Amino acid sequence: MLRPKLPPPPTLPTTAVVPQQTQAPVPSPGRSLTPYAGAVVAVVVVGVVLTALLAAVAVTAISVAIAAVVLRSLVKDAHQR
């Protein structure tokens, strides 16, 4: 009785849609990535050296702390006798 009337479904286009293919840009032959290779190697070497120095400082600090605890206990025992 009181049914709403729906619009007719849209018709699809009959022409085939061909997707466009995009290609990555080809680098020009006169330009290479070798200037950047030196900078990358330098950054990696500096990072490795800084990491090794940080590890050496950490190991030294731990060994000094252990030596201080041992010396403190030795001096404490010598005063008690």
N, C-alpha and C. Protein backbone atom coordinates (compact mmCIF):
# COMPACT_ATOMS: atom_id res chain seq x y z
N MET A 1 0.81 -1.17 0.00
CA MET A 1 0.00 0.00 0.00
C MET A 1 0.87 1.26 0.00
N LEU A 2 1.59 1.48 1.09
CA LEU A 2 2.44 2.66 1.15
C LEU A 2 3.90 2.24 0.99
N ARG A 3 4.21 1.63 -0.07
CA ARG A 3 5.58 1.19 -0.32
C ARG A 3 6.33 2.27 -1.08
N PRO A 4 7.58 2.62 -0.60
CA PRO A 4 8.34 3.62 -1.36
C PRO A 4 8.86 3.03 -2.66
N LYS A 5 8.94 3.86 -3.65
CA LYS A 5 9.44 3.41 -4.93
C LYS A 5 10.94 3.72 -5.00
N LEU A 6 11.73 2.71 -5.28
CA LEU A 6 13.18 2.86 -5.39
C LEU A 6 13.53 3.29 -6.80
N PRO A 7 14.58 4.10 -6.92
CA PRO A 7 14.99 4.48 -8.27
C PRO A 7 15.61 3.27 -8.96
N PRO A 8 15.56 3.27 -10.26
CA PRO A 8 16.16 2.12 -10.98
C PRO A 8 17.68 2.11 -10.77
N PRO A 9 18.29 0.92 -10.72
CA PRO A 9 19.74 0.85 -10.52
C PRO A 9 20.49 1.48 -11.69
N PRO A 10 21.60 2.12 -11.39
CA PRO A 10 22.34 2.77 -12.48
C PRO A 10 22.92 1.71 -13.43
N THR A 11 22.97 2.06 -14.66
CA THR A 11 23.52 1.13 -15.66
C THR A 11 25.02 1.37 -15.77
N LEU A 12 25.75 0.31 -15.92
CA LEU A 12 27.20 0.41 -16.05
C LEU A 12 27.57 0.82 -17.46
N PRO A 13 28.66 1.56 -17.60
CA PRO A 13 29.06 1.96 -18.96
C PRO A 13 29.51 0.73 -19.75
N THR A 14 29.23 0.76 -20.99
CA THR A 14 29.54 -0.39 -21.84
C THR A 14 30.96 -0.35 -22.36
N THR A 15 31.63 0.79 -22.28
CA THR A 15 33.01 0.86 -22.76
C THR A 15 33.94 0.33 -21.68
N ALA A 16 34.96 -0.38 -22.10
CA ALA A 16 35.92 -0.95 -21.16
C ALA A 16 36.90 0.13 -20.70
N VAL A 17 37.14 0.17 -19.42
CA VAL A 17 38.08 1.13 -18.86
C VAL A 17 39.43 0.44 -18.72
N VAL A 18 40.44 0.95 -19.38
CA VAL A 18 41.77 0.36 -19.33
C VAL A 18 42.60 1.14 -18.31
N PRO A 19 43.10 0.46 -17.25
CA PRO A 19 43.91 1.19 -16.27
C PRO A 19 45.23 1.65 -16.87
N GLN A 20 45.65 2.81 -16.46
CA GLN A 20 46.91 3.35 -16.95
C GLN A 20 48.07 2.73 -16.20
N GLN A 21 49.07 2.32 -16.91
CA GLN A 21 50.24 1.73 -16.27
C GLN A 21 51.29 2.82 -16.08
N THR A 22 51.76 2.91 -14.84
CA THR A 22 52.80 3.89 -14.56
C THR A 22 54.11 3.15 -14.32
N GLN A 23 55.15 3.69 -14.86
CA GLN A 23 56.47 3.08 -14.71
C GLN A 23 57.33 3.98 -13.85
N ALA A 24 58.26 3.34 -13.14
CA ALA A 24 59.19 4.10 -12.32
C ALA A 24 60.10 4.92 -13.23
N PRO A 25 60.46 6.11 -12.79
CA PRO A 25 61.35 6.93 -13.64
C PRO A 25 62.72 6.29 -13.76
N VAL A 26 63.23 6.29 -14.95
CA VAL A 26 64.54 5.72 -15.21
C VAL A 26 65.59 6.79 -14.94
N PRO A 27 66.60 6.49 -14.07
CA PRO A 27 67.61 7.50 -13.80
C PRO A 27 68.42 7.80 -15.06
N SER A 28 68.83 9.03 -15.17
CA SER A 28 69.62 9.41 -16.34
C SER A 28 70.98 8.73 -16.28
N PRO A 29 71.54 8.40 -17.43
CA PRO A 29 72.81 7.66 -17.44
C PRO A 29 73.99 8.46 -16.89
N GLY A 30 73.91 9.78 -16.88
CA GLY A 30 75.03 10.59 -16.41
C GLY A 30 75.09 10.73 -14.89
N ARG A 31 74.07 10.28 -14.20
CA ARG A 31 73.99 10.47 -12.75
C ARG A 31 74.04 9.11 -12.05
N SER A 32 74.96 8.96 -11.12
CA SER A 32 75.07 7.69 -10.42
C SER A 32 74.97 7.93 -8.91
N LEU A 33 74.88 6.85 -8.15
CA LEU A 33 74.75 6.95 -6.71
C LEU A 33 76.09 6.80 -5.99
N THR A 34 77.19 6.76 -6.71
CA THR A 34 78.49 6.57 -6.06
C THR A 34 78.90 7.72 -5.14
N PRO A 35 78.53 8.98 -5.37
CA PRO A 35 78.91 10.01 -4.39
C PRO A 35 78.27 9.77 -3.04
N TYR A 36 77.09 9.18 -3.01
CA TYR A 36 76.41 8.92 -1.75
C TYR A 36 76.97 7.71 -1.03
N ALA A 37 77.59 6.80 -1.75
CA ALA A 37 78.13 5.59 -1.12
C ALA A 37 79.21 5.95 -0.11
N GLY A 38 80.07 6.90 -0.43
CA GLY A 38 81.11 7.32 0.50
C GLY A 38 80.54 7.92 1.77
N ALA A 39 79.49 8.70 1.64
CA ALA A 39 78.87 9.31 2.81
C ALA A 39 78.20 8.25 3.69
N VAL A 40 77.58 7.28 3.07
CA VAL A 40 76.93 6.21 3.83
C VAL A 40 77.97 5.39 4.58
N VAL A 41 79.07 5.08 3.92
CA VAL A 41 80.14 4.32 4.58
C VAL A 41 80.72 5.12 5.74
N ALA A 42 80.90 6.40 5.56
CA ALA A 42 81.45 7.25 6.63
C ALA A 42 80.51 7.28 7.83
N VAL A 43 79.21 7.40 7.60
CA VAL A 43 78.25 7.42 8.70
C VAL A 43 78.25 6.09 9.44
N VAL A 44 78.31 4.99 8.71
CA VAL A 44 78.33 3.67 9.36
C VAL A 44 79.60 3.49 10.18
N VAL A 45 80.74 3.90 9.64
CA VAL A 45 82.01 3.75 10.38
C VAL A 45 82.00 4.60 11.64
N VAL A 46 81.54 5.83 11.53
CA VAL A 46 81.48 6.70 12.70
C VAL A 46 80.53 6.12 13.75
N GLY A 47 79.42 5.55 13.33
CA GLY A 47 78.49 4.93 14.25
C GLY A 47 79.10 3.74 14.97
N VAL A 48 79.84 2.93 14.24
CA VAL A 48 80.49 1.76 14.86
C VAL A 48 81.55 2.20 15.86
N VAL A 49 82.33 3.20 15.50
CA VAL A 49 83.39 3.68 16.40
C VAL A 49 82.78 4.28 17.67
N LEU A 50 81.75 5.08 17.53
CA LEU A 50 81.11 5.68 18.70
C LEU A 50 80.47 4.62 19.60
N THR A 51 79.89 3.60 19.00
CA THR A 51 79.31 2.52 19.79
C THR A 51 80.39 1.76 20.55
N ALA A 52 81.53 1.51 19.91
CA ALA A 52 82.62 0.81 20.58
C ALA A 52 83.18 1.65 21.73
N LEU A 53 83.30 2.96 21.52
CA LEU A 53 83.78 3.83 22.60
C LEU A 53 82.80 3.85 23.77
N LEU A 54 81.53 3.89 23.48
CA LEU A 54 80.53 3.87 24.55
C LEU A 54 80.59 2.56 25.33
N ALA A 55 80.77 1.45 24.65
CA ALA A 55 80.89 0.16 25.33
C ALA A 55 82.15 0.12 26.19
N ALA A 56 83.26 0.69 25.70
CA ALA A 56 84.50 0.71 26.48
C ALA A 56 84.33 1.56 27.74
N VAL A 57 83.67 2.68 27.64
CA VAL A 57 83.44 3.53 28.81
C VAL A 57 82.54 2.81 29.81
N ALA A 58 81.53 2.10 29.34
CA ALA A 58 80.64 1.38 30.25
C ALA A 58 81.37 0.27 30.99
N VAL A 59 82.20 -0.48 30.27
CA VAL A 59 82.96 -1.57 30.91
C VAL A 59 83.95 -1.00 31.92
N THR A 60 84.59 0.11 31.59
CA THR A 60 85.53 0.74 32.51
C THR A 60 84.81 1.23 33.77
N ALA A 61 83.66 1.82 33.62
CA ALA A 61 82.91 2.32 34.77
C ALA A 61 82.48 1.17 35.68
N ILE A 62 82.07 0.07 35.10
CA ILE A 62 81.66 -1.08 35.92
C ILE A 62 82.85 -1.65 36.66
N SER A 63 83.99 -1.76 35.99
CA SER A 63 85.17 -2.32 36.66
C SER A 63 85.67 -1.39 37.77
N VAL A 64 85.62 -0.09 37.57
CA VAL A 64 86.02 0.86 38.61
C VAL A 64 85.07 0.77 39.80
N ALA A 65 83.77 0.61 39.53
CA ALA A 65 82.80 0.48 40.62
C ALA A 65 83.05 -0.79 41.43
N ILE A 66 83.35 -1.89 40.76
CA ILE A 66 83.63 -3.14 41.46
C ILE A 66 84.90 -3.01 42.30
N ALA A 67 85.94 -2.39 41.73
CA ALA A 67 87.19 -2.20 42.47
C ALA A 67 86.96 -1.31 43.70
N ALA A 68 86.12 -0.30 43.57
CA ALA A 68 85.84 0.59 44.71
C ALA A 68 85.12 -0.17 45.82
N VAL A 69 84.19 -1.04 45.47
CA VAL A 69 83.48 -1.82 46.48
C VAL A 69 84.44 -2.77 47.18
N VAL A 70 85.32 -3.41 46.43
CA VAL A 70 86.29 -4.34 47.03
C VAL A 70 87.24 -3.59 47.95
N LEU A 71 87.79 -2.47 47.51
CA LEU A 71 88.70 -1.69 48.35
C LEU A 71 88.00 -1.17 49.60
N ARG A 72 86.76 -0.75 49.45
CA ARG A 72 86.01 -0.26 50.61
C ARG A 72 85.83 -1.36 51.65
N SER A 73 85.52 -2.56 51.18
CA SER A 73 85.34 -3.66 52.14
C SER A 73 86.67 -4.04 52.78
N LEU A 74 87.79 -3.96 52.05
CA LEU A 74 89.10 -4.28 52.62
C LEU A 74 89.50 -3.23 53.67
N VAL A 75 89.25 -1.96 53.37
CA VAL A 75 89.61 -0.91 54.33
C VAL A 75 88.72 -1.00 55.57
N LYS A 76 87.46 -1.34 55.39
CA LYS A 76 86.53 -1.47 56.51
C LYS A 76 86.97 -2.61 57.44
N ASP A 77 87.40 -3.76 56.85
CA ASP A 77 87.86 -4.89 57.66
C ASP A 77 89.16 -4.56 58.38
N ALA A 78 90.03 -3.77 57.77
CA ALA A 78 91.31 -3.43 58.41
C ALA A 78 91.08 -2.51 59.60
N HIS A 79 90.10 -1.64 59.57
CA HIS A 79 89.82 -0.73 60.69
C HIS A 79 89.15 -1.47 61.86
N GLN A 80 88.43 -2.54 61.57
CA GLN A 80 87.72 -3.26 62.63
C GLN A 80 88.67 -4.12 63.45
N ARG A 81 89.81 -4.51 62.93
CA ARG A 81 90.73 -5.38 63.66
C ARG A 81 91.55 -4.64 64.64
